[in-house]
Amino acid sequence: MAINLPLLLPFLLFLFNSHFTLSFSVNSMESVPDLTKSMYVDFNGYPCVRLLNLTGEIGCSNPGRDKVVAPVVRYKNVNEVTKPSAVLVSLYEFLELCGRISNDSNFAKNIGGVLVEQGMDTQIKSKGFSPDQKFPGAEFAPYKTNNYEWNPIGAGMMWRAYSFPVFLLTEGGTQLVQEVAMNNEKKKNDYTEDVVEFDLVMQTTKSGTHDSESCLQEQTCLPLGGYSVWSSLPPINNSSSNHSKPIILTVASMDSASFFRDKNLGAESPISGLIALLAAVDSLSRVNGLDDLSKQLVFSVFTGEAWGYLGSRRFLFELDLQSEAVSGLNSSLFETVIEIGSVGKGFSQGKNTFFAHTAAVSLATNKTLDALKHARDSLELKNITVSSASTSNPGIPPSSLMAFLKKNPSTSGMVLEDFDTSFSDKFYHSHLDDMSNINSTAIVAAASLVARTLYILASDDKRFKQHSS
């Protein structure tokens, strides 16, 4: 069953269409009919976009409503320019560039635009790259230690505003612009130079509109939104008034974020957890006798979690309204919430370990941990370890469960992750979080572990042993 989740109070807003083309001019021309072709070469890229929230702006945009035309220079030569230029940088240099822009206004005024090369150099591969904060979504944490570094390599650039366009180049575009930069270096003293033209004005709001509330009132932007989904096993009979079974709610996130719009792969965070959840649901759906379970299994996948837990917060709001979108659900019957987080690196560096992060000590939480242990013991893969997260952690990691705890601090819950004290994902909310960043065997193991845990919780050990034998 799908739930339409328009935002109650939009946190961020898209301000323009996400298809972009860059072009740069060249100074060679063979004939008048070939004028356009000889002057311009078009290529695509992935943009950093302008977003608005209730307090201001983040992301990138042109400084005004005119096109930006700027000569191409390499980052190493940027100190030598005296006018706004399009700076070509590697991803590692981009981290340094953003730091300099934030601390040096004189340097920043000569940045007409930034073109980031495609590819991962050895420094980024070893160090990692995460444009999100060191504690993503700290303001939603159900505890006061909001300066904890769950994401130690987080650079935070995704949450800053830049008054110039920034694009991640494709592989072909990278090679092309590298040649242009080299040509400009060779003819440094010539009158002509090759330039990049950012031909999309990345600012569509009226002058002086700098937050989501005024933007929505003027109807110059659209709120972030999407569809979250929930379902149940066995299906809930809405025509029946008897919905008295305790509910075990299992959740995951469906979308990621990135500094570059439309390059949000999120293979490890959060798609590995989503796949594990779907596999667990598929496995449980094939078990006979689900109607006889003593508890109701409910599954939900949330959208927009990277932007202030939009999906889970809206889900809770709909539950308060008892709207048609959540017909058949009663939050007072929620016994526990189990979230599948990042599990794609559970089999890395020789360790086959998953960690259970719990919200608080309670009878329901203890039952969940016991069921998780029994599920692990029943797996054929005996080398899998399931451990409770370190007690030195301030609480649960960034997760949808935070929204539930903010709403009701007494909520019993657990988040299954492949890390203990900090993210194992070195590319959290980055365009580099692709398939090479996960291990499919770990996702399969997590799915099996969750499916068995849910069955144990919803029935009893005897019935579980019958089905697992």
Protein backbone atom coordinates (compact mmCIF):
# COMPACT_ATOMS: atom_id res chain seq x y z
CA MET A 1 0.00 0.00 0.00
CA ALA A 2 1.47 3.34 -1.04
CA ILE A 3 1.23 6.47 1.04
CA ASN A 4 1.37 9.88 -0.58
CA LEU A 5 3.50 12.00 1.73
CA PRO A 6 3.36 15.69 0.80
CA LEU A 7 5.37 17.67 3.30
CA LEU A 8 3.60 19.24 6.25
CA LEU A 9 6.36 21.78 6.79
CA PRO A 10 8.85 21.68 3.89
CA PHE A 11 12.44 21.62 4.99
CA LEU A 12 14.16 21.96 1.62
CA LEU A 13 13.01 22.92 -1.83
CA PHE A 14 14.20 22.28 -5.36
CA LEU A 15 14.44 25.51 -7.29
CA PHE A 16 15.03 24.43 -10.86
CA ASN A 17 14.98 21.61 -13.37
CA SER A 18 17.79 19.14 -12.88
CA HIS A 19 18.94 18.73 -16.51
CA PHE A 20 21.99 20.79 -17.28
CA THR A 21 24.35 21.47 -20.13
CA LEU A 22 27.68 23.24 -19.97
CA SER A 23 29.46 24.66 -22.96
CA PHE A 24 32.85 26.22 -23.62
CA SER A 25 33.90 28.35 -26.57
CA VAL A 26 36.93 27.65 -28.73
CA ASN A 27 38.74 30.03 -31.05
CA SER A 28 39.01 27.86 -34.17
CA MET A 29 36.51 28.25 -37.05
CA GLU A 30 36.74 26.82 -40.56
CA SER A 31 33.66 28.31 -42.21
CA VAL A 32 30.65 30.48 -41.52
CA PRO A 33 28.15 27.55 -41.72
CA ASP A 34 30.17 25.80 -39.04
CA LEU A 35 30.10 28.83 -36.77
CA THR A 36 28.05 27.32 -33.95
CA LYS A 37 29.80 23.97 -34.07
CA SER A 38 33.25 25.50 -34.07
CA MET A 39 32.48 27.96 -31.30
CA TYR A 40 30.72 25.67 -28.82
CA VAL A 41 31.06 22.13 -27.58
CA ASP A 42 28.25 20.97 -25.29
CA PHE A 43 28.60 18.38 -22.56
CA ASN A 44 26.57 17.27 -19.57
CA GLY A 45 27.35 17.31 -15.88
CA TYR A 46 25.81 16.74 -12.48
CA PRO A 47 25.00 20.00 -10.70
CA CYS A 48 25.06 21.10 -7.12
CA VAL A 49 21.62 22.71 -6.77
CA ARG A 50 20.15 25.53 -4.69
CA LEU A 51 17.86 24.42 -1.86
CA LEU A 52 15.94 26.46 0.69
CA ASN A 53 14.92 25.62 4.21
CA LEU A 54 13.15 27.57 6.94
CA THR A 55 16.29 29.42 7.97
CA GLY A 56 18.05 30.11 4.67
CA GLU A 57 19.79 28.68 1.64
CA ILE A 58 22.17 25.84 0.95
CA GLY A 59 23.71 24.56 -2.27
CA CYS A 60 24.90 26.37 -5.37
CA SER A 61 23.59 28.95 -7.83
CA ASN A 62 24.66 31.68 -10.20
CA PRO A 63 25.12 35.00 -8.36
CA GLY A 64 22.39 36.61 -10.50
CA ARG A 65 20.13 35.92 -13.43
CA ASP A 66 22.80 36.21 -16.13
CA LYS A 67 24.91 33.46 -17.62
CA VAL A 68 28.34 32.88 -16.14
CA VAL A 69 31.14 32.96 -18.71
CA ALA A 70 34.60 32.37 -17.30
CA PRO A 71 38.01 31.15 -18.52
CA VAL A 72 39.08 27.69 -17.43
CA VAL A 73 42.00 27.45 -15.00
CA ARG A 74 43.42 24.64 -12.98
CA TYR A 75 43.18 24.89 -9.21
CA LYS A 76 46.96 25.17 -8.88
CA ASN A 77 46.86 28.38 -10.94
CA VAL A 78 43.84 29.98 -9.29
CA ASN A 79 45.93 32.37 -7.19
CA GLU A 80 47.31 33.92 -10.37
CA VAL A 81 43.94 35.02 -11.80
CA THR A 82 42.57 38.51 -11.32
CA LYS A 83 39.04 37.90 -12.59
CA PRO A 84 36.34 35.30 -11.97
CA SER A 85 37.37 31.97 -13.48
CA ALA A 86 35.99 28.46 -13.84
CA VAL A 87 38.23 26.37 -11.62
CA LEU A 88 38.95 22.77 -12.61
CA VAL A 89 39.66 20.61 -9.55
CA SER A 90 40.05 17.01 -8.56
CA LEU A 91 37.72 15.79 -5.83
CA TYR A 92 40.50 15.96 -3.25
CA GLU A 93 41.34 19.54 -4.29
CA PHE A 94 37.64 20.38 -4.10
CA LEU A 95 37.68 19.74 -0.35
CA GLU A 96 40.55 22.20 0.06
CA LEU A 97 38.90 24.70 -2.29
CA CYS A 98 35.67 24.77 -0.27
CA GLY A 99 37.65 25.41 2.90
CA ARG A 100 39.52 28.33 1.33
CA ILE A 101 36.31 29.83 -0.04
CA SER A 102 34.76 29.80 3.42
CA ASN A 103 37.76 31.50 5.03
CA ASP A 104 38.97 33.94 2.34
CA SER A 105 36.49 36.34 0.74
CA ASN A 106 39.13 37.86 -1.57
CA PHE A 107 39.93 34.42 -2.90
CA ALA A 108 36.24 33.52 -3.23
CA LYS A 109 35.41 36.52 -5.43
CA ASN A 110 37.54 35.10 -8.24
CA ILE A 111 35.59 31.83 -8.34
CA GLY A 112 33.16 32.10 -11.25
CA GLY A 113 32.34 28.40 -11.17
CA VAL A 114 33.81 25.04 -10.23
CA LEU A 115 34.19 21.94 -12.41
CA VAL A 116 34.97 18.78 -10.48
CA GLU A 117 36.77 15.99 -12.30
CA GLN A 118 35.18 12.57 -12.49
CA GLY A 119 37.12 9.76 -10.86
CA MET A 120 38.64 8.84 -7.53
CA ASP A 121 42.28 9.59 -6.82
CA THR A 122 44.35 7.61 -4.32
CA GLN A 123 43.97 10.26 -1.61
CA ILE A 124 40.17 10.18 -1.77
CA LYS A 125 40.16 6.38 -1.96
CA SER A 126 42.14 6.07 1.25
CA LYS A 127 40.65 8.99 3.17
CA GLY A 128 37.08 8.91 1.88
CA PHE A 129 34.72 11.70 0.91
CA SER A 130 31.50 12.69 2.64
CA PRO A 131 29.90 16.12 2.01
CA ASP A 132 27.48 15.66 4.91
CA GLN A 133 28.03 16.72 8.50
CA LYS A 134 30.03 14.83 11.10
CA PHE A 135 26.73 14.20 12.91
CA PRO A 136 24.10 14.12 10.15
CA GLY A 137 20.73 15.30 11.43
CA ALA A 138 22.11 16.17 14.87
CA GLU A 139 19.16 18.47 15.57
CA PHE A 140 16.86 15.43 15.51
CA ALA A 141 18.91 13.38 17.96
CA PRO A 142 16.92 12.20 21.01
CA TYR A 143 19.92 12.92 23.23
CA LYS A 144 21.97 16.01 24.05
CA THR A 145 25.38 14.85 22.82
CA ASN A 146 24.84 16.25 19.33
CA ASN A 147 28.52 17.00 18.67
CA TYR A 148 29.39 13.31 18.51
CA GLU A 149 31.15 12.35 15.24
CA TRP A 150 29.26 9.44 13.72
CA ASN A 151 30.70 10.53 10.36
CA PRO A 152 34.28 11.61 11.22
CA ILE A 153 35.26 12.49 7.65
CA GLY A 154 32.14 14.59 7.07
CA ALA A 155 33.10 17.91 5.47
CA GLY A 156 29.69 19.55 5.84
CA MET A 157 29.85 21.26 2.43
CA MET A 158 26.43 19.92 1.48
CA TRP A 159 24.84 22.29 4.02
CA ARG A 160 26.58 25.51 2.95
CA ALA A 161 25.58 28.11 0.35
CA TYR A 162 27.81 28.90 -2.64
CA SER A 163 27.19 31.86 -4.95
CA PHE A 164 28.61 30.17 -8.03
CA PRO A 165 27.72 27.07 -10.06
CA VAL A 166 29.41 23.75 -9.32
CA PHE A 167 29.25 20.72 -11.61
CA LEU A 168 30.63 17.20 -11.41
CA LEU A 169 31.91 16.37 -14.90
CA THR A 170 31.31 13.13 -16.74
CA GLU A 171 34.37 11.13 -17.79
CA GLY A 172 34.20 12.57 -21.30
CA GLY A 173 33.67 16.06 -19.96
CA THR A 174 36.63 15.70 -17.62
CA GLN A 175 38.98 14.86 -20.47
CA LEU A 176 37.62 17.70 -22.58
CA VAL A 177 37.96 20.39 -19.92
CA GLN A 178 41.42 19.17 -18.95
CA GLU A 179 42.51 19.83 -22.54
CA VAL A 180 40.94 23.29 -22.45
CA ALA A 181 42.75 24.15 -19.20
CA MET A 182 46.04 23.00 -20.68
CA ASN A 183 45.49 25.14 -23.79
CA ASN A 184 44.85 28.20 -21.63
CA GLU A 185 48.06 27.54 -19.71
CA LYS A 186 50.07 27.36 -22.94
CA LYS A 187 48.72 30.63 -24.31
CA LYS A 188 48.69 32.51 -21.01
CA ASN A 189 49.77 35.81 -22.61
CA ASP A 190 47.53 35.54 -25.68
CA TYR A 191 44.52 37.77 -26.16
CA THR A 192 42.14 34.83 -26.65
CA GLU A 193 41.32 32.11 -24.16
CA ASP A 194 38.87 29.24 -23.91
CA VAL A 195 35.97 29.76 -21.57
CA VAL A 196 33.18 27.78 -19.97
CA GLU A 197 29.65 29.12 -20.25
CA PHE A 198 27.22 28.00 -17.58
CA ASP A 199 24.10 28.51 -19.68
CA LEU A 200 21.52 27.63 -17.02
CA VAL A 201 20.60 30.34 -14.58
CA MET A 202 20.54 28.40 -11.33
CA GLN A 203 18.38 30.85 -9.43
CA THR A 204 14.63 31.05 -10.00
CA THR A 205 13.34 32.74 -6.89
CA LYS A 206 12.47 36.42 -6.72
CA SER A 207 15.08 38.83 -5.47
CA GLY A 208 15.20 38.76 -1.69
CA THR A 209 13.53 35.35 -1.34
CA HIS A 210 15.90 33.40 0.87
CA ASP A 211 13.83 30.86 2.81
CA SER A 212 11.28 28.15 2.08
CA GLU A 213 8.32 29.89 3.71
CA SER A 214 8.49 33.03 1.55
CA CYS A 215 9.34 30.98 -1.53
CA LEU A 216 6.24 28.81 -1.11
CA GLN A 217 4.05 31.85 -0.51
CA GLU A 218 5.28 33.41 -3.74
CA GLN A 219 4.87 30.06 -5.56
CA THR A 220 8.35 30.28 -7.04
CA CYS A 221 9.47 26.85 -5.87
CA LEU A 222 8.19 23.39 -5.03
CA PRO A 223 8.54 21.44 -1.78
CA LEU A 224 10.57 18.29 -1.53
CA GLY A 225 8.21 15.35 -1.40
CA GLY A 226 7.67 11.79 -2.50
CA TYR A 227 6.01 8.53 -1.64
CA SER A 228 6.76 6.43 1.39
CA VAL A 229 5.38 2.89 1.39
CA TRP A 230 4.04 0.56 4.06
CA SER A 231 2.66 -2.94 4.00
CA SER A 232 1.99 -5.82 6.39
CA LEU A 233 2.19 -9.58 6.84
CA PRO A 234 -0.40 -10.94 6.95
CA PRO A 235 -2.41 -8.17 5.22
CA ILE A 236 -4.43 -6.06 7.64
CA ASN A 237 -8.18 -6.38 7.16
CA ASN A 238 -9.42 -2.80 7.24
CA SER A 239 -13.05 -3.94 7.34
CA SER A 240 -12.46 -5.58 10.68
CA SER A 241 -12.59 -3.54 13.87
CA ASN A 242 -10.37 -6.04 15.67
CA HIS A 243 -6.85 -4.72 15.26
CA SER A 244 -5.57 -5.71 18.67
CA LYS A 245 -2.35 -7.56 17.89
CA PRO A 246 0.87 -5.88 19.01
CA ILE A 247 2.75 -4.49 16.00
CA ILE A 248 6.39 -5.07 15.16
CA LEU A 249 7.34 -2.26 12.78
CA THR A 250 10.38 -2.79 10.56
CA VAL A 251 11.66 0.20 8.57
CA ALA A 252 14.34 1.29 6.10
CA SER A 253 15.11 4.35 3.97
CA MET A 254 14.74 4.42 0.20
CA ASP A 255 16.76 7.42 -1.00
CA SER A 256 20.11 9.04 -0.42
CA ALA A 257 21.64 12.49 -0.87
CA SER A 258 24.72 13.98 -2.45
CA PHE A 259 26.41 17.30 -3.08
CA PHE A 260 25.62 16.70 -6.75
CA ARG A 261 21.95 16.39 -7.69
CA ASP A 262 21.00 13.20 -9.64
CA LYS A 263 24.16 11.43 -8.51
CA ASN A 264 22.70 10.04 -5.29
CA LEU A 265 23.51 6.35 -5.60
CA GLY A 266 23.54 5.51 -1.89
CA ALA A 267 24.53 1.86 -2.42
CA GLU A 268 25.71 1.40 1.18
CA SER A 269 23.73 4.18 2.82
CA PRO A 270 20.84 3.43 2.73
CA ILE A 271 20.12 1.08 -0.18
CA SER A 272 21.87 -1.92 1.35
CA GLY A 273 19.36 -1.79 4.22
CA LEU A 274 16.44 -1.34 1.83
CA ILE A 275 17.44 -4.41 -0.17
CA ALA A 276 17.87 -6.44 3.01
CA LEU A 277 14.38 -5.41 4.15
CA LEU A 278 12.78 -6.31 0.82
CA ALA A 279 14.53 -9.68 0.81
CA ALA A 280 13.38 -10.37 4.37
CA VAL A 281 9.77 -9.49 3.48
CA ASP A 282 9.91 -11.73 0.42
CA SER A 283 11.22 -14.61 2.53
CA LEU A 284 8.57 -14.17 5.23
CA SER A 285 5.78 -13.92 2.67
CA ARG A 286 6.49 -17.54 1.68
CA VAL A 287 6.00 -18.89 5.21
CA ASN A 288 2.75 -20.71 5.95
CA GLY A 289 0.57 -19.86 8.92
CA LEU A 290 1.20 -16.13 9.11
CA ASP A 291 -2.40 -15.57 10.20
CA ASP A 292 -1.65 -17.52 13.36
CA LEU A 293 1.20 -15.26 14.46
CA SER A 294 0.63 -13.63 17.81
CA LYS A 295 1.92 -10.29 16.53
CA GLN A 296 1.36 -8.21 13.42
CA LEU A 297 4.35 -7.59 11.14
CA VAL A 298 4.34 -4.16 9.47
CA PHE A 299 7.00 -2.85 7.10
CA SER A 300 7.62 0.73 6.04
CA VAL A 301 10.11 2.34 3.66
CA PHE A 302 10.57 6.09 4.06
CA THR A 303 11.54 8.73 1.52
CA GLY A 304 13.36 12.00 2.19
CA GLU A 305 15.13 10.80 5.33
CA ALA A 306 18.37 12.53 4.34
CA TRP A 307 16.54 15.87 4.55
CA GLY A 308 15.37 16.04 8.13
CA TYR A 309 13.66 12.61 8.27
CA LEU A 310 10.78 13.89 6.16
CA GLY A 311 9.23 10.48 5.47
CA SER A 312 9.24 9.09 9.01
CA ARG A 313 8.06 12.37 10.54
CA ARG A 314 5.19 12.57 8.05
CA PHE A 315 4.32 8.93 8.76
CA LEU A 316 4.02 9.72 12.46
CA PHE A 317 1.96 12.81 11.69
CA GLU A 318 -0.44 10.74 9.58
CA LEU A 319 -0.74 8.26 12.45
CA ASP A 320 -1.72 11.09 14.78
CA LEU A 321 -4.40 12.16 12.29
CA GLN A 322 -5.48 8.55 11.76
CA SER A 323 -5.69 9.45 8.09
CA GLU A 324 -6.73 7.12 5.33
CA ALA A 325 -3.09 6.76 4.30
CA VAL A 326 -2.39 4.70 7.45
CA SER A 327 -5.77 3.03 7.77
CA GLY A 328 -5.49 -0.10 9.88
CA LEU A 329 -2.48 1.08 11.88
CA ASN A 330 -2.56 2.23 15.48
CA SER A 331 0.66 3.64 16.92
CA SER A 332 -0.42 2.64 20.44
CA LEU A 333 0.00 -1.00 19.35
CA PHE A 334 3.63 -0.55 18.27
CA GLU A 335 5.61 -2.91 20.47
CA THR A 336 9.00 -2.24 18.92
CA VAL A 337 10.59 -0.55 15.90
CA ILE A 338 13.38 -2.35 14.08
CA GLU A 339 15.37 -0.42 11.51
CA ILE A 340 17.77 -1.89 8.95
CA GLY A 341 20.47 0.70 8.37
CA SER A 342 23.72 0.31 6.45
CA VAL A 343 24.56 -3.39 6.22
CA GLY A 344 26.52 -3.60 2.96
CA LYS A 345 29.93 -3.53 4.65
CA GLY A 346 29.17 -6.13 7.31
CA PHE A 347 31.73 -8.45 5.69
CA SER A 348 34.71 -6.14 5.38
CA GLN A 349 38.30 -6.18 6.58
CA GLY A 350 37.93 -9.81 7.65
CA LYS A 351 35.08 -9.08 10.07
CA ASN A 352 31.61 -10.56 9.62
CA THR A 353 29.88 -8.46 12.25
CA PHE A 354 26.61 -6.58 12.61
CA PHE A 355 25.88 -4.23 15.48
CA ALA A 356 22.58 -3.74 17.29
CA HIS A 357 22.06 -0.14 18.42
CA THR A 358 19.22 0.06 20.91
CA ALA A 359 17.15 3.05 22.00
CA ALA A 360 16.70 2.18 25.66
CA VAL A 361 16.58 -0.73 28.07
CA SER A 362 13.09 -2.23 28.07
CA LEU A 363 11.39 -5.60 28.01
CA ALA A 364 10.62 -5.24 24.28
CA THR A 365 14.23 -4.28 23.52
CA ASN A 366 15.57 -7.26 25.47
CA LYS A 367 13.19 -9.55 23.58
CA THR A 368 14.47 -8.14 20.29
CA LEU A 369 18.10 -8.71 21.25
CA ASP A 370 17.32 -12.26 22.39
CA ALA A 371 15.49 -12.96 19.12
CA LEU A 372 18.43 -11.57 17.17
CA LYS A 373 20.78 -13.92 19.03
CA HIS A 374 18.55 -16.94 18.38
CA ALA A 375 18.31 -15.95 14.72
CA ARG A 376 22.08 -15.75 14.42
CA ASP A 377 22.48 -19.19 16.03
CA SER A 378 20.05 -20.66 13.49
CA LEU A 379 21.94 -19.40 10.42
CA GLU A 380 24.03 -21.79 8.37
CA LEU A 381 26.76 -19.12 8.22
CA LYS A 382 28.21 -19.70 11.67
CA ASN A 383 30.96 -17.09 11.26
CA ILE A 384 28.49 -14.18 11.54
CA THR A 385 28.71 -12.17 14.75
CA VAL A 386 25.98 -9.95 16.16
CA SER A 387 27.10 -7.58 18.90
CA SER A 388 25.42 -4.91 20.96
CA ALA A 389 26.78 -1.48 20.14
CA SER A 390 29.26 0.08 22.51
CA THR A 391 27.84 1.60 25.68
CA SER A 392 30.17 4.57 25.12
CA ASN A 393 27.98 5.69 22.20
CA PRO A 394 25.71 8.62 23.12
CA GLY A 395 22.71 6.74 21.75
CA ILE A 396 21.43 5.40 18.46
CA PRO A 397 23.17 6.55 15.24
CA PRO A 398 21.47 8.83 12.68
CA SER A 399 18.36 6.88 11.68
CA SER A 400 14.60 7.04 11.22
CA LEU A 401 14.25 5.69 14.75
CA MET A 402 15.31 9.15 15.93
CA ALA A 403 12.03 10.57 14.61
CA PHE A 404 10.08 7.95 16.58
CA LEU A 405 12.02 8.71 19.77
CA LYS A 406 11.55 12.45 19.33
CA LYS A 407 7.83 11.81 19.10
CA ASN A 408 7.74 9.31 21.96
CA PRO A 409 10.92 8.88 24.06
CA SER A 410 9.62 5.61 25.50
CA THR A 411 9.59 3.92 22.07
CA SER A 412 11.41 0.58 22.12
CA GLY A 413 13.63 0.15 19.11
CA MET A 414 16.78 -1.20 17.53
CA VAL A 415 18.88 -0.20 14.52
CA LEU A 416 20.92 -2.92 12.80
CA GLU A 417 24.13 -1.51 11.31
CA ASP A 418 27.51 -2.69 10.04
CA PHE A 419 29.34 -0.25 12.32
CA ASP A 420 29.71 0.33 16.04
CA THR A 421 31.02 3.75 17.10
CA SER A 422 31.23 5.49 13.70
CA PHE A 423 30.17 4.94 10.09
CA SER A 424 32.02 2.26 8.16
CA ASP A 425 30.90 4.01 4.96
CA LYS A 426 33.71 6.34 3.87
CA PHE A 427 31.48 7.82 1.17
CA TYR A 428 28.34 8.60 3.17
CA HIS A 429 25.93 10.76 1.14
CA SER A 430 28.47 10.96 -1.65
CA HIS A 431 28.29 10.26 -5.38
CA LEU A 432 31.05 7.70 -4.77
CA ASP A 433 28.77 5.43 -2.72
CA ASP A 434 28.29 2.97 -5.57
CA MET A 435 28.20 -0.83 -5.97
CA SER A 436 31.94 -1.13 -5.39
CA ASN A 437 31.31 0.12 -1.85
CA ILE A 438 29.19 -2.86 -0.73
CA ASN A 439 29.37 -6.62 -0.28
CA SER A 440 26.29 -8.48 -1.51
CA THR A 441 27.04 -11.42 0.82
CA ALA A 442 26.66 -9.11 3.81
CA ILE A 443 23.27 -7.89 2.57
CA VAL A 444 22.05 -11.48 2.12
CA ALA A 445 23.21 -12.34 5.62
CA ALA A 446 21.47 -9.28 7.08
CA ALA A 447 18.23 -10.17 5.26
CA SER A 448 18.31 -13.72 6.64
CA LEU A 449 19.07 -12.45 10.11
CA VAL A 450 16.20 -9.94 10.07
CA ALA A 451 13.65 -12.38 8.60
CA ARG A 452 14.38 -14.96 11.29
CA THR A 453 14.41 -12.35 14.04
CA LEU A 454 10.99 -11.05 13.02
CA TYR A 455 9.52 -14.54 12.87
CA ILE A 456 10.82 -15.36 16.34
CA LEU A 457 9.38 -12.13 17.74
CA ALA A 458 6.00 -12.65 16.07
CA SER A 459 5.66 -16.30 17.14
CA ASP A 460 7.54 -18.49 19.57
CA ASP A 461 10.78 -20.47 19.54
CA LYS A 462 9.01 -23.77 18.99
CA ARG A 463 7.28 -22.66 15.81
CA PHE A 464 10.51 -21.06 14.59
CA LYS A 465 12.43 -24.33 15.08
CA GLN A 466 9.79 -26.19 13.09
CA HIS A 467 10.16 -23.84 10.13
CA SER A 468 13.95 -23.63 10.27
CA SER A 469 14.45 -27.38 10.42
